[in-house]
Structure formats: structure tokens, C-alpha cells
Amino acid sequence: MSERRRFVRIEFHARIDLSQGPFIWPVELLDLSLKGLLIQKPEPWLGDIKQPFIADIHLSPEAEIKMEVRLTHDDHGHLGFVCERIDQESIAHLRRLVDLNRDDHDEGVLERELAALIHL
């Protein structure tokens, strides 16, 4: 699967809120990229795979990353999501977070990923 990824993923563990309609699951974020995230599957899991979810990553009392996501895979107790919508403020926080935590500090890689994200 990693061969198909177009975006560098960073390991980043945090508690986030995943919501859909009346359901809110506090979940463990395992990793993320500019285009998606991987979480620990909550129990019980009542999510509707045909409907979008909202992922709310609380970075601090003043900063959060909020994105609309779609479930792409459910494997071995993990759920993978792709970002469908994100606002400008959240993308700025996400870019900074990815930039600070990635192993490859080649600025060109991040710029190419942002350009690809804009074109998707």
C-alpha cells in the first residue's frame, strides 16, 4: 500500500475527536499526512462508511486541525481516512505539523505535496 501513497506520512500520536451525525468517538491518532490520517478503531464502531466524517485534531486550546474525511480502509483495528475538505487555517496548522515532524527535511518535498494537494 505504501507504494500508492503520494504524501509523506508522519507518525503522530494524539487524541482526536472523530464524529459523524450524532456520534462522537474520542480516538487515538496514529499517523497523518497532508491528505489523510490513520486512527485506532474505536469500540463500538457504528460509523456509516457511505457518509463523511469530521476529524478534529486538538493541537492546543488555540489551534486545531478540522477536516472532513472519508473512510478508505478498515484493517487490523485501524481505520484509514482520506481528507475531502479542509479550511485554510487547518491546512496551515497541518503543514506546520507535518513539516516539524517529518524525517525528510527537503523543503521541495513538502512544496510538491502541497501543489499535488491543491490539484486533487
PDB file of N, CA and C in Angstrom:
ATOM      1  N   MET A   1       0.814  -1.194   0.000  1.00  0.00           N
ATOM      2  CA  MET A   1       0.000   0.000   0.000  1.00  0.00           C
ATOM      3  C   MET A   1       0.855   1.256   0.000  1.00  0.00           C
ATOM      4  N   SER A   2       1.983   1.259   0.665  1.00  0.00           N
ATOM      5  CA  SER A   2       2.809   2.452   0.743  1.00  0.00           C
ATOM      6  C   SER A   2       3.275   2.920  -0.628  1.00  0.00           C
ATOM      7  N   GLU A   3       3.349   2.014  -1.621  1.00  0.00           N
ATOM      8  CA  GLU A   3       3.771   2.404  -2.955  1.00  0.00           C
ATOM      9  C   GLU A   3       2.763   3.355  -3.597  1.00  0.00           C
ATOM     10  N   ARG A   4       1.497   3.284  -3.211  1.00  0.00           N
ATOM     11  CA  ARG A   4       0.460   4.117  -3.810  1.00  0.00           C
ATOM     12  C   ARG A   4       0.372   5.489  -3.155  1.00  0.00           C
ATOM     13  N   ARG A   5       0.990   5.671  -2.014  1.00  0.00           N
ATOM     14  CA  ARG A   5       0.868   6.929  -1.296  1.00  0.00           C
ATOM     15  C   ARG A   5       1.619   8.035  -2.016  1.00  0.00           C
ATOM     16  N   ARG A   6       0.960   9.176  -2.147  1.00  0.00           N
ATOM     17  CA  ARG A   6       1.578  10.322  -2.790  1.00  0.00           C
ATOM     18  C   ARG A   6       2.060  11.331  -1.764  1.00  0.00           C
ATOM     19  N   PHE A   7       1.707  11.147  -0.502  1.00  0.00           N
ATOM     20  CA  PHE A   7       2.026  12.102   0.545  1.00  0.00           C
ATOM     21  C   PHE A   7       2.811  11.423   1.659  1.00  0.00           C
ATOM     22  N   VAL A   8       3.839  12.102   2.140  1.00  0.00           N
ATOM     23  CA  VAL A   8       4.643  11.590   3.242  1.00  0.00           C
ATOM     24  C   VAL A   8       3.780  11.546   4.494  1.00  0.00           C
ATOM     25  N   ARG A   9       3.809  10.396   5.179  1.00  0.00           N
ATOM     26  CA  ARG A   9       3.060  10.230   6.420  1.00  0.00           C
ATOM     27  C   ARG A   9       4.023  10.397   7.586  1.00  0.00           C
ATOM     28  N   ILE A  10       3.524  11.036   8.635  1.00  0.00           N
ATOM     29  CA  ILE A  10       4.334  11.163   9.843  1.00  0.00           C
ATOM     30  C   ILE A  10       3.640  10.425  10.972  1.00  0.00           C
ATOM     31  N   GLU A  11       4.435   9.789  11.800  1.00  0.00           N
ATOM     32  CA  GLU A  11       3.879   9.156  12.992  1.00  0.00           C
ATOM     33  C   GLU A  11       3.609  10.276  13.984  1.00  0.00           C
ATOM     34  N   PHE A  12       2.367  10.368  14.409  1.00  0.00           N
ATOM     35  CA  PHE A  12       1.981  11.436  15.334  1.00  0.00           C
ATOM     36  C   PHE A  12       0.834  10.912  16.176  1.00  0.00           C
ATOM     37  N   HIS A  13       1.116  10.668  17.435  1.00  0.00           N
ATOM     38  CA  HIS A  13       0.103  10.123  18.331  1.00  0.00           C
ATOM     39  C   HIS A  13      -0.569  11.258  19.091  1.00  0.00           C
ATOM     40  N   ALA A  14      -1.888  11.283  19.028  1.00  0.00           N
ATOM     41  CA  ALA A  14      -2.670  12.312  19.722  1.00  0.00           C
ATOM     42  C   ALA A  14      -4.100  11.809  19.868  1.00  0.00           C
ATOM     43  N   ARG A  15      -4.813  12.376  20.808  1.00  0.00           N
ATOM     44  CA  ARG A  15      -6.238  12.099  20.940  1.00  0.00           C
ATOM     45  C   ARG A  15      -6.976  13.077  20.034  1.00  0.00           C
ATOM     46  N   ILE A  16      -7.922  12.546  19.276  1.00  0.00           N
ATOM     47  CA  ILE A  16      -8.739  13.400  18.416  1.00  0.00           C
ATOM     48  C   ILE A  16     -10.198  13.009  18.596  1.00  0.00           C
ATOM     49  N   ASP A  17     -11.066  13.856  18.100  1.00  0.00           N
ATOM     50  CA  ASP A  17     -12.488  13.538  18.069  1.00  0.00           C
ATOM     51  C   ASP A  17     -12.871  13.262  16.626  1.00  0.00           C
ATOM     52  N   LEU A  18     -13.454  12.093  16.410  1.00  0.00           N
ATOM     53  CA  LEU A  18     -13.997  11.721  15.110  1.00  0.00           C
ATOM     54  C   LEU A  18     -15.505  11.729  15.268  1.00  0.00           C
ATOM     55  N   SER A  19     -16.195  12.418  14.387  1.00  0.00           N
ATOM     56  CA  SER A  19     -17.649  12.494  14.526  1.00  0.00           C
ATOM     57  C   SER A  19     -18.338  12.240  13.194  1.00  0.00           C
ATOM     58  N   GLN A  20     -19.594  11.792  13.350  1.00  0.00           N
ATOM     59  CA  GLN A  20     -20.469  11.571  12.206  1.00  0.00           C
ATOM     60  C   GLN A  20     -21.890  11.639  12.739  1.00  0.00           C
ATOM     61  N   GLY A  21     -22.644  12.612  12.259  1.00  0.00           N
ATOM     62  CA  GLY A  21     -24.014  12.774  12.761  1.00  0.00           C
ATOM     63  C   GLY A  21     -24.009  12.902  14.272  1.00  0.00           C
ATOM     64  N   PRO A  22     -24.814  12.091  14.969  1.00  0.00           N
ATOM     65  CA  PRO A  22     -24.898  12.210  16.428  1.00  0.00           C
ATOM     66  C   PRO A  22     -23.752  11.518  17.175  1.00  0.00           C
ATOM     67  N   PHE A  23     -22.897  10.795  16.457  1.00  0.00           N
ATOM     68  CA  PHE A  23     -21.831  10.026  17.103  1.00  0.00           C
ATOM     69  C   PHE A  23     -20.534  10.822  17.192  1.00  0.00           C
ATOM     70  N   ILE A  24     -19.875  10.748  18.344  1.00  0.00           N
ATOM     71  CA  ILE A  24     -18.544  11.325  18.533  1.00  0.00           C
ATOM     72  C   ILE A  24     -17.693  10.257  19.210  1.00  0.00           C
ATOM     73  N   TRP A  25     -16.572   9.930  18.566  1.00  0.00           N
ATOM     74  CA  TRP A  25     -15.650   8.953  19.125  1.00  0.00           C
ATOM     75  C   TRP A  25     -14.339   9.642  19.470  1.00  0.00           C
ATOM     76  N   PRO A  26     -13.931   9.670  20.744  1.00  0.00           N
ATOM     77  CA  PRO A  26     -12.566  10.112  21.055  1.00  0.00           C
ATOM     78  C   PRO A  26     -11.632   8.956  20.668  1.00  0.00           C
ATOM     79  N   VAL A  27     -10.707   9.208  19.775  1.00  0.00           N
ATOM     80  CA  VAL A  27      -9.861   8.139  19.235  1.00  0.00           C
ATOM     81  C   VAL A  27      -8.387   8.530  19.296  1.00  0.00           C
ATOM     82  N   GLU A  28      -7.544   7.532  19.107  1.00  0.00           N
ATOM     83  CA  GLU A  28      -6.098   7.734  19.077  1.00  0.00           C
ATOM     84  C   GLU A  28      -5.637   7.895  17.637  1.00  0.00           C
ATOM     85  N   LEU A  29      -5.047   9.050  17.346  1.00  0.00           N
ATOM     86  CA  LEU A  29      -4.438   9.294  16.043  1.00  0.00           C
ATOM     87  C   LEU A  29      -3.095   8.589  16.012  1.00  0.00           C
ATOM     88  N   LEU A  30      -2.828   7.838  14.956  1.00  0.00           N
ATOM     89  CA  LEU A  30      -1.568   7.100  14.834  1.00  0.00           C
ATOM     90  C   LEU A  30      -0.593   7.774  13.879  1.00  0.00           C
ATOM     91  N   ASP A  31      -1.102   8.220  12.736  1.00  0.00           N
ATOM     92  CA  ASP A  31      -0.263   8.985  11.818  1.00  0.00           C
ATOM     93  C   ASP A  31      -1.138   9.834  10.918  1.00  0.00           C
ATOM     94  N   LEU A  32      -0.485  10.793  10.251  1.00  0.00           N
ATOM     95  CA  LEU A  32      -1.223  11.650   9.334  1.00  0.00           C
ATOM     96  C   LEU A  32      -0.309  12.167   8.249  1.00  0.00           C
ATOM     97  N   SER A  33      -0.934  12.714   7.219  1.00  0.00           N
ATOM     98  CA  SER A  33      -0.228  13.329   6.104  1.00  0.00           C
ATOM     99  C   SER A  33      -1.033  14.555   5.701  1.00  0.00           C
ATOM    100  N   LEU A  34      -0.584  15.210   4.647  1.00  0.00           N
ATOM    101  CA  LEU A  34      -1.346  16.356   4.154  1.00  0.00           C
ATOM    102  C   LEU A  34      -2.677  15.921   3.559  1.00  0.00           C
ATOM    103  N   LYS A  35      -2.861  14.631   3.306  1.00  0.00           N
ATOM    104  CA  LYS A  35      -4.084  14.179   2.646  1.00  0.00           C
ATOM    105  C   LYS A  35      -4.867  13.134   3.419  1.00  0.00           C
ATOM    106  N   GLY A  36      -4.435  12.731   4.616  1.00  0.00           N
ATOM    107  CA  GLY A  36      -5.204  11.715   5.312  1.00  0.00           C
ATOM    108  C   GLY A  36      -4.674  11.416   6.693  1.00  0.00           C
ATOM    109  N   LEU A  37      -5.323  10.441   7.340  1.00  0.00           N
ATOM    110  CA  LEU A  37      -4.912  10.056   8.682  1.00  0.00           C
ATOM    111  C   LEU A  37      -5.276   8.612   8.967  1.00  0.00           C
ATOM    112  N   LEU A  38      -4.606   8.061   9.967  1.00  0.00           N
ATOM    113  CA  LEU A  38      -4.838   6.697  10.414  1.00  0.00           C
ATOM    114  C   LEU A  38      -5.121   6.750  11.903  1.00  0.00           C
ATOM    115  N   ILE A  39      -6.201   6.074  12.342  1.00  0.00           N
ATOM    116  CA  ILE A  39      -6.577   6.073  13.754  1.00  0.00           C
ATOM    117  C   ILE A  39      -6.744   4.650  14.261  1.00  0.00           C
ATOM    118  N   GLN A  40      -6.728   4.525  15.570  1.00  0.00           N
ATOM    119  CA  GLN A  40      -7.078   3.269  16.225  1.00  0.00           C
ATOM    120  C   GLN A  40      -8.602   3.143  16.134  1.00  0.00           C
ATOM    121  N   LYS A  41      -9.096   2.004  15.724  1.00  0.00           N
ATOM    122  CA  LYS A  41     -10.546   1.799  15.564  1.00  0.00           C
ATOM    123  C   LYS A  41     -11.229   1.820  16.931  1.00  0.00           C
ATOM    124  N   PRO A  42     -12.230   2.686  17.098  1.00  0.00           N
ATOM    125  CA  PRO A  42     -12.935   2.724  18.386  1.00  0.00           C
ATOM    126  C   PRO A  42     -13.913   1.563  18.535  1.00  0.00           C
ATOM    127  N   GLU A  43     -14.211   1.228  19.758  1.00  0.00           N
ATOM    128  CA  GLU A  43     -15.217   0.196  20.051  1.00  0.00           C
ATOM    129  C   GLU A  43     -16.268   0.797  20.968  1.00  0.00           C
ATOM    130  N   PRO A  44     -17.529   0.678  20.693  1.00  0.00           N
ATOM    131  CA  PRO A  44     -18.076   0.067  19.477  1.00  0.00           C
ATOM    132  C   PRO A  44     -17.941   1.009  18.280  1.00  0.00           C
ATOM    133  N   TRP A  45     -17.843   0.435  17.107  1.00  0.00           N
ATOM    134  CA  TRP A  45     -17.727   1.206  15.876  1.00  0.00           C
ATOM    135  C   TRP A  45     -19.066   1.173  15.161  1.00  0.00           C
ATOM    136  N   LEU A  46     -19.703   2.336  15.055  1.00  0.00           N
ATOM    137  CA  LEU A  46     -21.021   2.448  14.430  1.00  0.00           C
ATOM    138  C   LEU A  46     -21.009   3.388  13.229  1.00  0.00           C
ATOM    139  N   GLY A  47     -19.817   3.668  12.690  1.00  0.00           N
ATOM    140  CA  GLY A  47     -19.704   4.607  11.580  1.00  0.00           C
ATOM    141  C   GLY A  47     -20.318   4.078  10.302  1.00  0.00           C
ATOM    142  N   ASP A  48     -20.926   4.968   9.537  1.00  0.00           N
ATOM    143  CA  ASP A  48     -21.520   4.654   8.234  1.00  0.00           C
ATOM    144  C   ASP A  48     -20.483   4.974   7.162  1.00  0.00           C
ATOM    145  N   ILE A  49     -19.935   3.939   6.529  1.00  0.00           N
ATOM    146  CA  ILE A  49     -18.855   4.144   5.570  1.00  0.00           C
ATOM    147  C   ILE A  49     -19.280   4.938   4.330  1.00  0.00           C
ATOM    148  N   LYS A  50     -20.580   5.085   4.123  1.00  0.00           N
ATOM    149  CA  LYS A  50     -21.069   5.823   2.961  1.00  0.00           C
ATOM    150  C   LYS A  50     -21.177   7.325   3.218  1.00  0.00           C
ATOM    151  N   GLN A  51     -21.027   7.746   4.470  1.00  0.00           N
ATOM    152  CA  GLN A  51     -21.171   9.149   4.841  1.00  0.00           C
ATOM    153  C   GLN A  51     -19.820   9.725   5.292  1.00  0.00           C
ATOM    154  N   PRO A  52     -19.620  11.036   5.123  1.00  0.00           N
ATOM    155  CA  PRO A  52     -18.360  11.643   5.572  1.00  0.00           C
ATOM    156  C   PRO A  52     -18.288  11.731   7.102  1.00  0.00           C
ATOM    157  N   PHE A  53     -17.070  11.891   7.585  1.00  0.00           N
ATOM    158  CA  PHE A  53     -16.783  12.072   8.999  1.00  0.00           C
ATOM    159  C   PHE A  53     -16.084  13.413   9.179  1.00  0.00           C
ATOM    160  N   ILE A  54     -16.072  13.916  10.406  1.00  0.00           N
ATOM    161  CA  ILE A  54     -15.293  15.098  10.759  1.00  0.00           C
ATOM    162  C   ILE A  54     -14.218  14.649  11.733  1.00  0.00           C
ATOM    163  N   ALA A  55     -12.955  14.947  11.397  1.00  0.00           N
ATOM    164  CA  ALA A  55     -11.823  14.672  12.288  1.00  0.00           C
ATOM    165  C   ALA A  55     -11.381  16.004  12.869  1.00  0.00           C
ATOM    166  N   ASP A  56     -11.331  16.073  14.180  1.00  0.00           N
ATOM    167  CA  ASP A  56     -10.950  17.294  14.884  1.00  0.00           C
ATOM    168  C   ASP A  56      -9.724  16.990  15.741  1.00  0.00           C
ATOM    169  N   ILE A  57      -8.564  17.461  15.295  1.00  0.00           N
ATOM    170  CA  ILE A  57      -7.299  17.229  15.989  1.00  0.00           C
ATOM    171  C   ILE A  57      -6.998  18.465  16.827  1.00  0.00           C
ATOM    172  N   HIS A  58      -7.031  18.316  18.132  1.00  0.00           N
ATOM    173  CA  HIS A  58      -6.801  19.438  19.047  1.00  0.00           C
ATOM    174  C   HIS A  58      -5.304  19.556  19.329  1.00  0.00           C
ATOM    175  N   LEU A  59      -4.679  20.569  18.756  1.00  0.00           N
ATOM    176  CA  LEU A  59      -3.245  20.777  18.947  1.00  0.00           C
ATOM    177  C   LEU A  59      -2.955  21.553  20.228  1.00  0.00           C
ATOM    178  N   SER A  60      -3.812  22.525  20.523  1.00  0.00           N
ATOM    179  CA  SER A  60      -3.702  23.347  21.727  1.00  0.00           C
ATOM    180  C   SER A  60      -5.060  24.012  21.922  1.00  0.00           C
ATOM    181  N   PRO A  61      -5.249  24.729  23.036  1.00  0.00           N
ATOM    182  CA  PRO A  61      -6.536  25.423  23.195  1.00  0.00           C
ATOM    183  C   PRO A  61      -6.820  26.445  22.080  1.00  0.00           C
ATOM    184  N   GLU A  62      -5.764  26.931  21.438  1.00  0.00           N
ATOM    185  CA  GLU A  62      -5.940  27.938  20.383  1.00  0.00           C
ATOM    186  C   GLU A  62      -5.843  27.379  18.973  1.00  0.00           C
ATOM    187  N   ALA A  63      -5.396  26.142  18.815  1.00  0.00           N
ATOM    188  CA  ALA A  63      -5.145  25.620  17.467  1.00  0.00           C
ATOM    189  C   ALA A  63      -5.720  24.220  17.306  1.00  0.00           C
ATOM    190  N   GLU A  64      -6.384  24.020  16.174  1.00  0.00           N
ATOM    191  CA  GLU A  64      -6.916  22.708  15.843  1.00  0.00           C
ATOM    192  C   GLU A  64      -6.872  22.511  14.342  1.00  0.00           C
ATOM    193  N   ILE A  65      -6.864  21.254  13.955  1.00  0.00           N
ATOM    194  CA  ILE A  65      -6.978  20.874  12.551  1.00  0.00           C
ATOM    195  C   ILE A  65      -8.323  20.171  12.428  1.00  0.00           C
ATOM    196  N   LYS A  66      -9.173  20.735  11.616  1.00  0.00           N
ATOM    197  CA  LYS A  66     -10.502  20.157  11.417  1.00  0.00           C
ATOM    198  C   LYS A  66     -10.655  19.858   9.940  1.00  0.00           C
ATOM    199  N   MET A  67     -11.005  18.600   9.635  1.00  0.00           N
ATOM    200  CA  MET A  67     -11.162  18.220   8.237  1.00  0.00           C
ATOM    201  C   MET A  67     -12.320  17.251   8.070  1.00  0.00           C
ATOM    202  N   GLU A  68     -12.944  17.331   6.923  1.00  0.00           N
ATOM    203  CA  GLU A  68     -13.945  16.332   6.546  1.00  0.00           C
ATOM    204  C   GLU A  68     -13.186  15.195   5.885  1.00  0.00           C
ATOM    205  N   VAL A  69     -13.435  13.976   6.360  1.00  0.00           N
ATOM    206  CA  VAL A  69     -12.695  12.821   5.859  1.00  0.00           C
ATOM    207  C   VAL A  69     -13.647  11.720   5.428  1.00  0.00           C
ATOM    208  N   ARG A  70     -13.130  10.832   4.557  1.00  0.00           N
ATOM    209  CA  ARG A  70     -13.877   9.672   4.078  1.00  0.00           C
ATOM    210  C   ARG A  70     -13.071   8.426   4.421  1.00  0.00           C
ATOM    211  N   LEU A  71     -13.749   7.411   4.947  1.00  0.00           N
ATOM    212  CA  LEU A  71     -13.099   6.150   5.292  1.00  0.00           C
ATOM    213  C   LEU A  71     -12.644   5.434   4.026  1.00  0.00           C
ATOM    214  N   THR A  72     -11.362   5.049   3.997  1.00  0.00           N
ATOM    215  CA  THR A  72     -10.828   4.339   2.837  1.00  0.00           C
ATOM    216  C   THR A  72     -10.474   2.897   3.152  1.00  0.00           C
ATOM    217  N   HIS A  73     -10.133   2.606   4.416  1.00  0.00           N
ATOM    218  CA  HIS A  73      -9.851   1.215   4.751  1.00  0.00           C
ATOM    219  C   HIS A  73     -10.019   0.950   6.242  1.00  0.00           C
ATOM    220  N   ASP A  74     -10.354  -0.295   6.547  1.00  0.00           N
ATOM    221  CA  ASP A  74     -10.587  -0.788   7.907  1.00  0.00           C
ATOM    222  C   ASP A  74      -9.780  -2.078   8.023  1.00  0.00           C
ATOM    223  N   ASP A  75      -8.590  -1.989   8.605  1.00  0.00           N
ATOM    224  CA  ASP A  75      -7.676  -3.132   8.668  1.00  0.00           C
ATOM    225  C   ASP A  75      -7.072  -3.290  10.058  1.00  0.00           C
ATOM    226  N   HIS A  76      -7.119  -4.500  10.584  1.00  0.00           N
ATOM    227  CA  HIS A  76      -6.382  -4.871  11.800  1.00  0.00           C
ATOM    228  C   HIS A  76      -6.543  -3.870  12.942  1.00  0.00           C
ATOM    229  N   GLY A  77      -7.775  -3.418  13.172  1.00  0.00           N
ATOM    230  CA  GLY A  77      -8.032  -2.499  14.272  1.00  0.00           C
ATOM    231  C   GLY A  77      -7.678  -1.049  13.995  1.00  0.00           C
ATOM    232  N   HIS A  78      -7.379  -0.737  12.735  1.00  0.00           N
ATOM    233  CA  HIS A  78      -7.058   0.635  12.343  1.00  0.00           C
ATOM    234  C   HIS A  78      -8.035   1.089  11.260  1.00  0.00           C
ATOM    235  N   LEU A  79      -8.337   2.380  11.271  1.00  0.00           N
ATOM    236  CA  LEU A  79      -9.172   2.983  10.231  1.00  0.00           C
ATOM    237  C   LEU A  79      -8.352   4.041   9.508  1.00  0.00           C
ATOM    238  N   GLY A  80      -8.344   3.984   8.180  1.00  0.00           N
ATOM    239  CA  GLY A  80      -7.644   4.972   7.366  1.00  0.00           C
ATOM    240  C   GLY A  80      -8.636   5.879   6.675  1.00  0.00           C
ATOM    241  N   PHE A  81      -8.347   7.164   6.678  1.00  0.00           N
ATOM    242  CA  PHE A  81      -9.229   8.165   6.088  1.00  0.00           C
ATOM    243  C   PHE A  81      -8.461   9.048   5.115  1.00  0.00           C
ATOM    244  N   VAL A  82      -9.154   9.510   4.096  1.00  0.00           N
ATOM    245  CA  VAL A  82      -8.613  10.491   3.169  1.00  0.00           C
ATOM    246  C   VAL A  82      -9.359  11.802   3.407  1.00  0.00           C
ATOM    247  N   CYS A  83      -8.629  12.893   3.349  1.00  0.00           N
ATOM    248  CA  CYS A  83      -9.218  14.223   3.559  1.00  0.00           C
ATOM    249  C   CYS A  83      -9.987  14.641   2.309  1.00  0.00           C
ATOM    250  N   GLU A  84     -11.226  15.037   2.522  1.00  0.00           N
ATOM    251  CA  GLU A  84     -12.069  15.524   1.425  1.00  0.00           C
ATOM    252  C   GLU A  84     -12.149  17.052   1.410  1.00  0.00           C
ATOM    253  N   ARG A  85     -12.172  17.661   2.603  1.00  0.00           N
ATOM    254  CA  ARG A  85     -12.260  19.121   2.725  1.00  0.00           C
ATOM    255  C   ARG A  85     -11.496  19.569   3.960  1.00  0.00           C
ATOM    256  N   ILE A  86     -10.820  20.721   3.819  1.00  0.00           N
ATOM    257  CA  ILE A  86     -10.097  21.307   4.947  1.00  0.00           C
ATOM    258  C   ILE A  86     -10.023  22.805   4.712  1.00  0.00           C
ATOM    259  N   ASP A  87     -10.171  23.590   5.776  1.00  0.00           N
ATOM    260  CA  ASP A  87     -10.126  25.049   5.625  1.00  0.00           C
ATOM    261  C   ASP A  87      -8.678  25.540   5.630  1.00  0.00           C
ATOM    262  N   GLN A  88      -8.487  26.796   5.258  1.00  0.00           N
ATOM    263  CA  GLN A  88      -7.146  27.373   5.125  1.00  0.00           C
ATOM    264  C   GLN A  88      -6.371  27.377   6.442  1.00  0.00           C
ATOM    265  N   GLU A  89      -7.035  27.711   7.536  1.00  0.00           N
ATOM    266  CA  GLU A  89      -6.356  27.755   8.836  1.00  0.00           C
ATOM    267  C   GLU A  89      -5.892  26.350   9.249  1.00  0.00           C
ATOM    268  N   SER A  90      -6.757  25.352   9.031  1.00  0.00           N
ATOM    269  CA  SER A  90      -6.391  23.979   9.369  1.00  0.00           C
ATOM    270  C   SER A  90      -5.247  23.469   8.505  1.00  0.00           C
ATOM    271  N   ILE A  91      -5.252  23.804   7.211  1.00  0.00           N
ATOM    272  CA  ILE A  91      -4.160  23.349   6.342  1.00  0.00           C
ATOM    273  C   ILE A  91      -2.851  24.005   6.755  1.00  0.00           C
ATOM    274  N   ALA A  92      -2.893  25.236   7.228  1.00  0.00           N
ATOM    275  CA  ALA A  92      -1.667  25.890   7.705  1.00  0.00           C
ATOM    276  C   ALA A  92      -1.116  25.164   8.933  1.00  0.00           C
ATOM    277  N   HIS A  93      -1.993  24.799   9.876  1.00  0.00           N
ATOM    278  CA  HIS A  93      -1.556  24.048  11.058  1.00  0.00           C
ATOM    279  C   HIS A  93      -1.029  22.672  10.659  1.00  0.00           C
ATOM    280  N   LEU A  94      -1.724  22.006   9.727  1.00  0.00           N
ATOM    281  CA  LEU A  94      -1.316  20.679   9.285  1.00  0.00           C
ATOM    282  C   LEU A  94       0.035  20.738   8.588  1.00  0.00           C
ATOM    283  N   ARG A  95       0.223  21.713   7.740  1.00  0.00           N
ATOM    284  CA  ARG A  95       1.506  21.862   7.041  1.00  0.00           C
ATOM    285  C   ARG A  95       2.639  22.045   8.044  1.00  0.00           C
ATOM    286  N   ARG A  96       2.426  22.897   9.021  1.00  0.00           N
ATOM    287  CA  ARG A  96       3.455  23.140  10.042  1.00  0.00           C
ATOM    288  C   ARG A  96       3.750  21.862  10.832  1.00  0.00           C
ATOM    289  N   LEU A  97       2.703  21.139  11.206  1.00  0.00           N
ATOM    290  CA  LEU A  97       2.862  19.897  11.962  1.00  0.00           C
ATOM    291  C   LEU A  97       3.643  18.857  11.160  1.00  0.00           C
ATOM    292  N   VAL A  98       3.289  18.682   9.893  1.00  0.00           N
ATOM    293  CA  VAL A  98       3.999  17.730   9.036  1.00  0.00           C
ATOM    294  C   VAL A  98       5.441  18.172   8.851  1.00  0.00           C
ATOM    295  N   ASP A  99       5.648  19.454   8.624  1.00  0.00           N
ATOM    296  CA  ASP A  99       6.998  19.973   8.413  1.00  0.00           C
ATOM    297  C   ASP A  99       7.887  19.747   9.635  1.00  0.00           C
ATOM    298  N   LEU A 100       7.348  19.955  10.821  1.00  0.00           N
ATOM    299  CA  LEU A 100       8.139  19.797  12.051  1.00  0.00           C
ATOM    300  C   LEU A 100       8.425  18.345  12.399  1.00  0.00           C
ATOM    301  N   ASN A 101       7.592  17.425  11.936  1.00  0.00           N
ATOM    302  CA  ASN A 101       7.700  16.026  12.362  1.00  0.00           C
ATOM    303  C   ASN A 101       8.171  15.051  11.294  1.00  0.00           C
ATOM    304  N   ARG A 102       8.410  15.496  10.099  1.00  0.00           N
ATOM    305  CA  ARG A 102       8.815  14.553   9.049  1.00  0.00           C
ATOM    306  C   ARG A 102      10.312  14.272   9.116  1.00  0.00           C
ATOM    307  N   ASP A 103      10.668  13.103   8.645  1.00  0.00           N
ATOM    308  CA  ASP A 103      12.077  12.695   8.629  1.00  0.00           C
ATOM    309  C   ASP A 103      12.853  13.389   7.518  1.00  0.00           C
ATOM    310  N   ASP A 104      12.212  13.566   6.373  1.00  0.00           N
ATOM    311  CA  ASP A 104      12.861  14.185   5.224  1.00  0.00           C
ATOM    312  C   ASP A 104      12.650  15.688   5.311  1.00  0.00           C
ATOM    313  N   HIS A 105      13.701  16.432   5.541  1.00  0.00           N
ATOM    314  CA  HIS A 105      13.559  17.880   5.694  1.00  0.00           C
ATOM    315  C   HIS A 105      13.864  18.637   4.399  1.00  0.00           C
ATOM    316  N   ASP A 106      13.714  17.956   3.268  1.00  0.00           N
ATOM    317  CA  ASP A 106      13.861  18.593   1.967  1.00  0.00           C
ATOM    318  C   ASP A 106      12.603  19.429   1.724  1.00  0.00           C
ATOM    319  N   GLU A 107      12.734  20.741   1.742  1.00  0.00           N
ATOM    320  CA  GLU A 107      11.592  21.648   1.585  1.00  0.00           C
ATOM    321  C   GLU A 107      10.872  21.418   0.265  1.00  0.00           C
ATOM    322  N   GLY A 108      11.586  20.966  -0.760  1.00  0.00           N
ATOM    323  CA  GLY A 108      10.960  20.713  -2.053  1.00  0.00           C
ATOM    324  C   GLY A 108       9.907  19.622  -1.991  1.00  0.00           C
ATOM    325  N   VAL A 109      10.110  18.612  -1.136  1.00  0.00           N
ATOM    326  CA  VAL A 109       9.144  17.527  -0.987  1.00  0.00           C
ATOM    327  C   VAL A 109       7.822  18.080  -0.474  1.00  0.00           C
ATOM    328  N   LEU A 110       7.878  18.902   0.560  1.00  0.00           N
ATOM    329  CA  LEU A 110       6.656  19.471   1.128  1.00  0.00           C
ATOM    330  C   LEU A 110       5.950  20.370   0.119  1.00  0.00           C
ATOM    331  N   GLU A 111       6.707  21.169  -0.616  1.00  0.00           N
ATOM    332  CA  GLU A 111       6.104  22.055  -1.613  1.00  0.00           C
ATOM    333  C   GLU A 111       5.435  21.256  -2.734  1.00  0.00           C
ATOM    334  N   ARG A 112       6.054  20.150  -3.165  1.00  0.00           N
ATOM    335  CA  ARG A 112       5.449  19.306  -4.204  1.00  0.00           C
ATOM    336  C   ARG A 112       4.164  18.662  -3.694  1.00  0.00           C
ATOM    337  N   GLU A 113       4.165  18.237  -2.425  1.00  0.00           N
ATOM    338  CA  GLU A 113       2.957  17.642  -1.851  1.00  0.00           C
ATOM    339  C   GLU A 113       1.833  18.672  -1.747  1.00  0.00           C
ATOM    340  N   LEU A 114       2.171  19.879  -1.345  1.00  0.00           N
ATOM    341  CA  LEU A 114       1.134  20.930  -1.271  1.00  0.00           C
ATOM    342  C   LEU A 114       0.577  21.227  -2.660  1.00  0.00           C
ATOM    343  N   ALA A 115       1.433  21.274  -3.668  1.00  0.00           N
ATOM    344  CA  ALA A 115       0.970  21.517  -5.037  1.00  0.00           C
ATOM    345  C   ALA A 115       0.064  20.376  -5.494  1.00  0.00           C
ATOM    346  N   ALA A 116       0.430  19.126  -5.177  1.00  0.00           N
ATOM    347  CA  ALA A 116      -0.402  17.973  -5.546  1.00  0.00           C
ATOM    348  C   ALA A 116      -1.736  18.030  -4.817  1.00  0.00           C
ATOM    349  N   LEU A 117      -1.723  18.431  -3.560  1.00  0.00           N
ATOM    350  CA  LEU A 117      -2.954  18.544  -2.779  1.00  0.00           C
ATOM    351  C   LEU A 117      -3.904  19.567  -3.396  1.00  0.00           C
ATOM    352  N   ILE A 118      -3.375  20.667  -3.840  1.00  0.00           N
ATOM    353  CA  ILE A 118      -4.189  21.727  -4.456  1.00  0.00           C
ATOM    354  C   ILE A 118      -4.845  21.213  -5.739  1.00  0.00           C
ATOM    355  N   HIS A 119      -4.119  20.373  -6.497  1.00  0.00           N
ATOM    356  CA  HIS A 119      -4.638  19.873  -7.771  1.00  0.00           C
ATOM    357  C   HIS A 119      -5.596  18.697  -7.632  1.00  0.00           C
ATOM    358  N   LEU A 120      -5.676  18.064  -6.447  1.00  0.00           N
ATOM    359  CA  LEU A 120      -6.575  16.930  -6.272  1.00  0.00           C
ATOM    360  C   LEU A 120      -8.005  17.375  -6.162  1.00  0.00           C
TER     361      LEU A 120
END
